[in-house]
C-alpha atoms as a PDB file:
ATOM      1  CA  UNK A   1      39.983 -36.612  13.170  1.00  0.00           C
ATOM      2  CA  UNK A   2      41.326 -35.250   9.930  1.00  0.00           C
ATOM      3  CA  UNK A   3      43.854 -32.768  11.326  1.00  0.00           C
ATOM      4  CA  UNK A   4      47.478 -33.653  10.676  1.00  0.00           C
ATOM      5  CA  UNK A   5      48.518 -32.086  13.999  1.00  0.00           C
ATOM      6  CA  UNK A   6      46.608 -32.107  17.296  1.00  0.00           C
ATOM      7  CA  UNK A   7      47.347 -31.869  21.003  1.00  0.00           C
ATOM      8  CA  UNK A   8      47.048 -34.988  23.167  1.00  0.00           C
ATOM      9  CA  UNK A   9      46.160 -34.497  26.838  1.00  0.00           C
ATOM     10  CA  UNK A  10      46.995 -37.395  29.197  1.00  0.00           C
ATOM     11  CA  UNK A  11      44.480 -38.205  31.954  1.00  0.00           C
ATOM     12  CA  UNK A  12      44.306 -40.837  34.670  1.00  0.00           C
ATOM     13  CA  UNK A  13      40.882 -42.391  34.055  1.00  0.00           C
ATOM     14  CA  UNK A  14      38.758 -39.250  33.573  1.00  0.00           C
ATOM     15  CA  UNK A  15      39.604 -38.305  29.976  1.00  0.00           C
ATOM     16  CA  UNK A  16      36.056 -38.632  28.655  1.00  0.00           C
ATOM     17  CA  UNK A  17      34.612 -36.632  31.563  1.00  0.00           C
ATOM     18  CA  UNK A  18      37.173 -33.859  30.980  1.00  0.00           C
ATOM     19  CA  UNK A  19      36.648 -33.793  27.197  1.00  0.00           C
ATOM     20  CA  UNK A  20      32.868 -33.538  27.615  1.00  0.00           C
ATOM     21  CA  UNK A  21      33.296 -30.748  30.191  1.00  0.00           C
ATOM     22  CA  UNK A  22      35.541 -28.742  27.856  1.00  0.00           C
ATOM     23  CA  UNK A  23      33.278 -29.272  24.821  1.00  0.00           C
ATOM     24  CA  UNK A  24      30.212 -28.131  26.774  1.00  0.00           C
ATOM     25  CA  UNK A  25      32.066 -25.002  27.873  1.00  0.00           C
ATOM     26  CA  UNK A  26      33.444 -23.659  24.606  1.00  0.00           C
ATOM     27  CA  UNK A  27      31.361 -22.816  21.500  1.00  0.00           C
ATOM     28  CA  UNK A  28      32.191 -24.529  18.196  1.00  0.00           C
ATOM     29  CA  UNK A  29      33.400 -27.631  20.023  1.00  0.00           C
ATOM     30  CA  UNK A  30      32.394 -31.253  19.741  1.00  0.00           C
ATOM     31  CA  UNK A  31      33.258 -34.833  20.593  1.00  0.00           C
ATOM     32  CA  UNK A  32      34.542 -36.902  17.691  1.00  0.00           C
ATOM     33  CA  UNK A  33      35.606 -40.533  17.705  1.00  0.00           C
ATOM     34  CA  UNK A  34      35.815 -42.382  21.013  1.00  0.00           C
ATOM     35  CA  UNK A  35      38.081 -45.446  21.086  1.00  0.00           C
ATOM     36  CA  UNK A  36      37.421 -48.210  23.623  1.00  0.00           C
ATOM     37  CA  UNK A  37      39.243 -51.528  24.012  1.00  0.00           C
ATOM     38  CA  UNK A  38      35.834 -53.187  24.437  1.00  0.00           C
ATOM     39  CA  UNK A  39      32.265 -51.832  24.409  1.00  0.00           C
ATOM     40  CA  UNK A  40      32.020 -51.842  28.216  1.00  0.00           C
ATOM     41  CA  UNK A  41      35.523 -50.445  28.819  1.00  0.00           C
ATOM     42  CA  UNK A  42      36.204 -46.816  29.674  1.00  0.00           C
ATOM     43  CA  UNK A  43      37.296 -44.655  26.778  1.00  0.00           C
ATOM     44  CA  UNK A  44      40.964 -44.968  25.873  1.00  0.00           C
ATOM     45  CA  UNK A  45      41.111 -42.039  23.412  1.00  0.00           C
ATOM     46  CA  UNK A  46      38.559 -39.281  22.882  1.00  0.00           C
ATOM     47  CA  UNK A  47      39.015 -37.073  19.851  1.00  0.00           C
ATOM     48  CA  UNK A  48      37.410 -33.652  20.234  1.00  0.00           C
ATOM     49  CA  UNK A  49      37.615 -30.063  19.076  1.00  0.00           C
ATOM     50  CA  UNK A  50      37.628 -26.896  21.158  1.00  0.00           C
ATOM     51  CA  UNK A  51      36.630 -23.816  19.225  1.00  0.00           C
ATOM     52  CA  UNK A  52      37.610 -25.720  16.084  1.00  0.00           C
ATOM     53  CA  UNK A  53      41.087 -26.754  17.337  1.00  0.00           C
ATOM     54  CA  UNK A  54      41.726 -30.539  17.456  1.00  0.00           C
ATOM     55  CA  UNK A  55      42.589 -32.369  20.673  1.00  0.00           C
ATOM     56  CA  UNK A  56      42.778 -35.885  22.018  1.00  0.00           C
ATOM     57  CA  UNK A  57      42.121 -36.934  25.592  1.00  0.00           C
ATOM     58  CA  UNK A  58      43.998 -40.114  26.488  1.00  0.00           C
ATOM     59  CA  UNK A  59      43.395 -42.321  29.530  1.00  0.00           C
ATOM     60  CA  UNK A  60      47.007 -43.341  30.022  1.00  0.00           C
ATOM     61  CA  UNK A  61      47.004 -44.026  33.763  1.00  0.00           C
ATOM     62  CA  UNK A  62      49.336 -42.398  36.244  1.00  0.00           C
ATOM     63  CA  UNK A  63      51.197 -39.454  34.765  1.00  0.00           C
ATOM     64  CA  UNK A  64      53.483 -36.699  36.000  1.00  0.00           C
ATOM     65  CA  UNK A  65      50.693 -34.135  35.625  1.00  0.00           C
ATOM     66  CA  UNK A  66      50.094 -31.029  33.589  1.00  0.00           C
ATOM     67  CA  UNK A  67      52.283 -27.972  34.103  1.00  0.00           C
ATOM     68  CA  UNK A  68      51.946 -24.286  33.294  1.00  0.00           C
ATOM     69  CA  UNK A  69      54.577 -24.913  30.615  1.00  0.00           C
ATOM     70  CA  UNK A  70      51.667 -25.672  28.297  1.00  0.00           C
ATOM     71  CA  UNK A  71      48.250 -24.059  28.515  1.00  0.00           C
ATOM     72  CA  UNK A  72      45.129 -23.595  26.455  1.00  0.00           C
ATOM     73  CA  UNK A  73      44.450 -19.947  25.632  1.00  0.00           C
ATOM     74  CA  UNK A  74      40.887 -18.736  25.181  1.00  0.00           C
ATOM     75  CA  UNK A  75      40.364 -15.265  23.722  1.00  0.00           C
ATOM     76  CA  UNK A  76      37.169 -13.719  25.072  1.00  0.00           C
ATOM     77  CA  UNK A  77      35.025 -10.982  23.558  1.00  0.00           C
ATOM     78  CA  UNK A  78      33.822  -9.314  26.761  1.00  0.00           C
ATOM     79  CA  UNK A  79      33.712  -9.464  30.561  1.00  0.00           C
ATOM     80  CA  UNK A  80      30.634 -11.693  30.570  1.00  0.00           C
ATOM     81  CA  UNK A  81      32.409 -14.395  28.544  1.00  0.00           C
ATOM     82  CA  UNK A  82      35.571 -13.977  30.643  1.00  0.00           C
ATOM     83  CA  UNK A  83      33.574 -14.418  33.861  1.00  0.00           C
ATOM     84  CA  UNK A  84      31.600 -17.412  32.544  1.00  0.00           C
ATOM     85  CA  UNK A  85      34.689 -19.342  31.447  1.00  0.00           C
ATOM     86  CA  UNK A  86      36.742 -18.424  34.513  1.00  0.00           C
ATOM     87  CA  UNK A  87      33.958 -19.482  36.894  1.00  0.00           C
ATOM     88  CA  UNK A  88      33.346 -22.788  35.110  1.00  0.00           C
ATOM     89  CA  UNK A  89      37.033 -23.721  34.901  1.00  0.00           C
ATOM     90  CA  UNK A  90      37.740 -22.737  38.520  1.00  0.00           C
ATOM     91  CA  UNK A  91      34.710 -24.625  39.869  1.00  0.00           C
ATOM     92  CA  UNK A  92      35.204 -27.952  41.601  1.00  0.00           C
ATOM     93  CA  UNK A  93      38.807 -27.544  42.655  1.00  0.00           C
ATOM     94  CA  UNK A  94      40.335 -25.250  40.051  1.00  0.00           C
ATOM     95  CA  UNK A  95      43.115 -22.925  41.191  1.00  0.00           C
ATOM     96  CA  UNK A  96      43.434 -19.317  40.048  1.00  0.00           C
ATOM     97  CA  UNK A  97      46.768 -18.032  38.882  1.00  0.00           C
ATOM     98  CA  UNK A  98      47.875 -14.514  38.034  1.00  0.00           C
ATOM     99  CA  UNK A  99      47.192 -12.489  34.913  1.00  0.00           C
ATOM    100  CA  UNK A 100      44.355 -14.637  33.569  1.00  0.00           C
ATOM    101  CA  UNK A 101      45.930 -18.050  34.217  1.00  0.00           C
ATOM    102  CA  UNK A 102      44.201 -20.829  36.117  1.00  0.00           C
ATOM    103  CA  UNK A 103      44.262 -24.597  36.508  1.00  0.00           C
ATOM    104  CA  UNK A 104      41.010 -26.497  36.203  1.00  0.00           C
ATOM    105  CA  UNK A 105      39.936 -29.394  38.449  1.00  0.00           C
ATOM    106  CA  UNK A 106      41.845 -31.816  36.189  1.00  0.00           C
ATOM    107  CA  UNK A 107      45.073 -29.831  36.605  1.00  0.00           C
ATOM    108  CA  UNK A 108      45.117 -28.448  33.048  1.00  0.00           C
ATOM    109  CA  UNK A 109      46.340 -24.842  32.706  1.00  0.00           C
ATOM    110  CA  UNK A 110      44.249 -22.247  30.884  1.00  0.00           C
ATOM    111  CA  UNK A 111      44.647 -18.582  30.014  1.00  0.00           C
ATOM    112  CA  UNK A 112      41.399 -16.608  29.800  1.00  0.00           C
ATOM    113  CA  UNK A 113      42.445 -13.493  27.892  1.00  0.00           C
ATOM    114  CA  UNK A 114      39.986 -10.772  26.863  1.00  0.00           C
ATOM    115  CA  UNK A 115      40.635  -9.272  23.427  1.00  0.00           C
ATOM    116  CA  UNK A 116      40.531  -5.874  25.158  1.00  0.00           C
ATOM    117  CA  UNK A 117      43.822  -6.662  26.931  1.00  0.00           C
ATOM    118  CA  UNK A 118      45.714  -7.035  23.651  1.00  0.00           C
ATOM    119  CA  UNK A 119      44.082  -3.893  22.299  1.00  0.00           C
ATOM    120  CA  UNK A 120      45.047  -1.859  25.364  1.00  0.00           C
ATOM    121  CA  UNK A 121      48.623  -3.146  25.364  1.00  0.00           C
ATOM    122  CA  UNK A 122      48.976  -2.330  21.663  1.00  0.00           C
ATOM    123  CA  UNK A 123      48.244   1.375  22.146  1.00  0.00           C
ATOM    124  CA  UNK A 124      51.097   3.701  21.297  1.00  0.00           C
ATOM    125  CA  UNK A 125      51.206   5.527  24.664  1.00  0.00           C
ATOM    126  CA  UNK A 126      54.015   3.829  26.652  1.00  0.00           C
ATOM    127  CA  UNK A 127      52.879   5.315  29.984  1.00  0.00           C
ATOM    128  CA  UNK A 128      49.311   4.021  29.483  1.00  0.00           C
ATOM    129  CA  UNK A 129      50.640   0.609  28.446  1.00  0.00           C
ATOM    130  CA  UNK A 130      52.763   0.478  31.597  1.00  0.00           C
ATOM    131  CA  UNK A 131      49.731   1.316  33.759  1.00  0.00           C
ATOM    132  CA  UNK A 132      47.722  -1.456  32.093  1.00  0.00           C
ATOM    133  CA  UNK A 133      50.553  -3.950  32.634  1.00  0.00           C
ATOM    134  CA  UNK A 134      50.830  -2.912  36.286  1.00  0.00           C
ATOM    135  CA  UNK A 135      47.065  -3.320  36.817  1.00  0.00           C
ATOM    136  CA  UNK A 136      47.180  -6.720  35.109  1.00  0.00           C
ATOM    137  CA  UNK A 137      49.982  -7.908  37.400  1.00  0.00           C
ATOM    138  CA  UNK A 138      47.676  -7.599  40.414  1.00  0.00           C
ATOM    139  CA  UNK A 139      44.798  -9.579  38.878  1.00  0.00           C
ATOM    140  CA  UNK A 140      43.821 -13.218  38.821  1.00  0.00           C
ATOM    141  CA  UNK A 141      40.713 -13.150  36.601  1.00  0.00           C
ATOM    142  CA  UNK A 142      41.124 -10.225  34.213  1.00  0.00           C
ATOM    143  CA  UNK A 143      38.852  -7.249  34.849  1.00  0.00           C
ATOM    144  CA  UNK A 144      38.442  -5.333  31.593  1.00  0.00           C
ATOM    145  CA  UNK A 145      36.972  -2.188  33.179  1.00  0.00           C
ATOM    146  CA  UNK A 146      39.904  -1.971  35.626  1.00  0.00           C
ATOM    147  CA  UNK A 147      42.358  -2.263  32.729  1.00  0.00           C
ATOM    148  CA  UNK A 148      40.501   0.433  30.771  1.00  0.00           C
ATOM    149  CA  UNK A 149      40.546   2.690  33.852  1.00  0.00           C
ATOM    150  CA  UNK A 150      44.297   2.157  34.259  1.00  0.00           C
ATOM    151  CA  UNK A 151      44.808   3.013  30.593  1.00  0.00           C
ATOM    152  CA  UNK A 152      42.980   6.333  30.754  1.00  0.00           C
ATOM    153  CA  UNK A 153      43.937   7.428  34.292  1.00  0.00           C
ATOM    154  CA  UNK A 154      47.331   8.838  33.583  1.00  0.00           C
END
């Protein structure tokens, strides 16, 4: 990995599985170098990119766990992409949070944020922005059409 700075994610034995899952999910992602102590040993470090951003998955053993204090943000282009990513990350034991946040089956926190949300919140009408924020507060997975309806229904 040639990046000077990357994020290291600590796993308890399933780092390679998680890295491959993430890479399969997000375009412009790939697995880089995999370090093993011996050829038959599980991976110790997996270098990978997600959407071009560098990461490492590390099999470090027992750990305190991931928290919402750090999350991976994915900006989506439309509802279809939002739904696809949300469904895949929530599958197999993921837990939805509010306002586009969720934890995947490995306990890692994600934010699935449609570009439309930022656009709607950036509008100059304070009343419309407040309605969008109020609609967002009641959502788990973000529903773009509901946000657009809140913006215009003033």
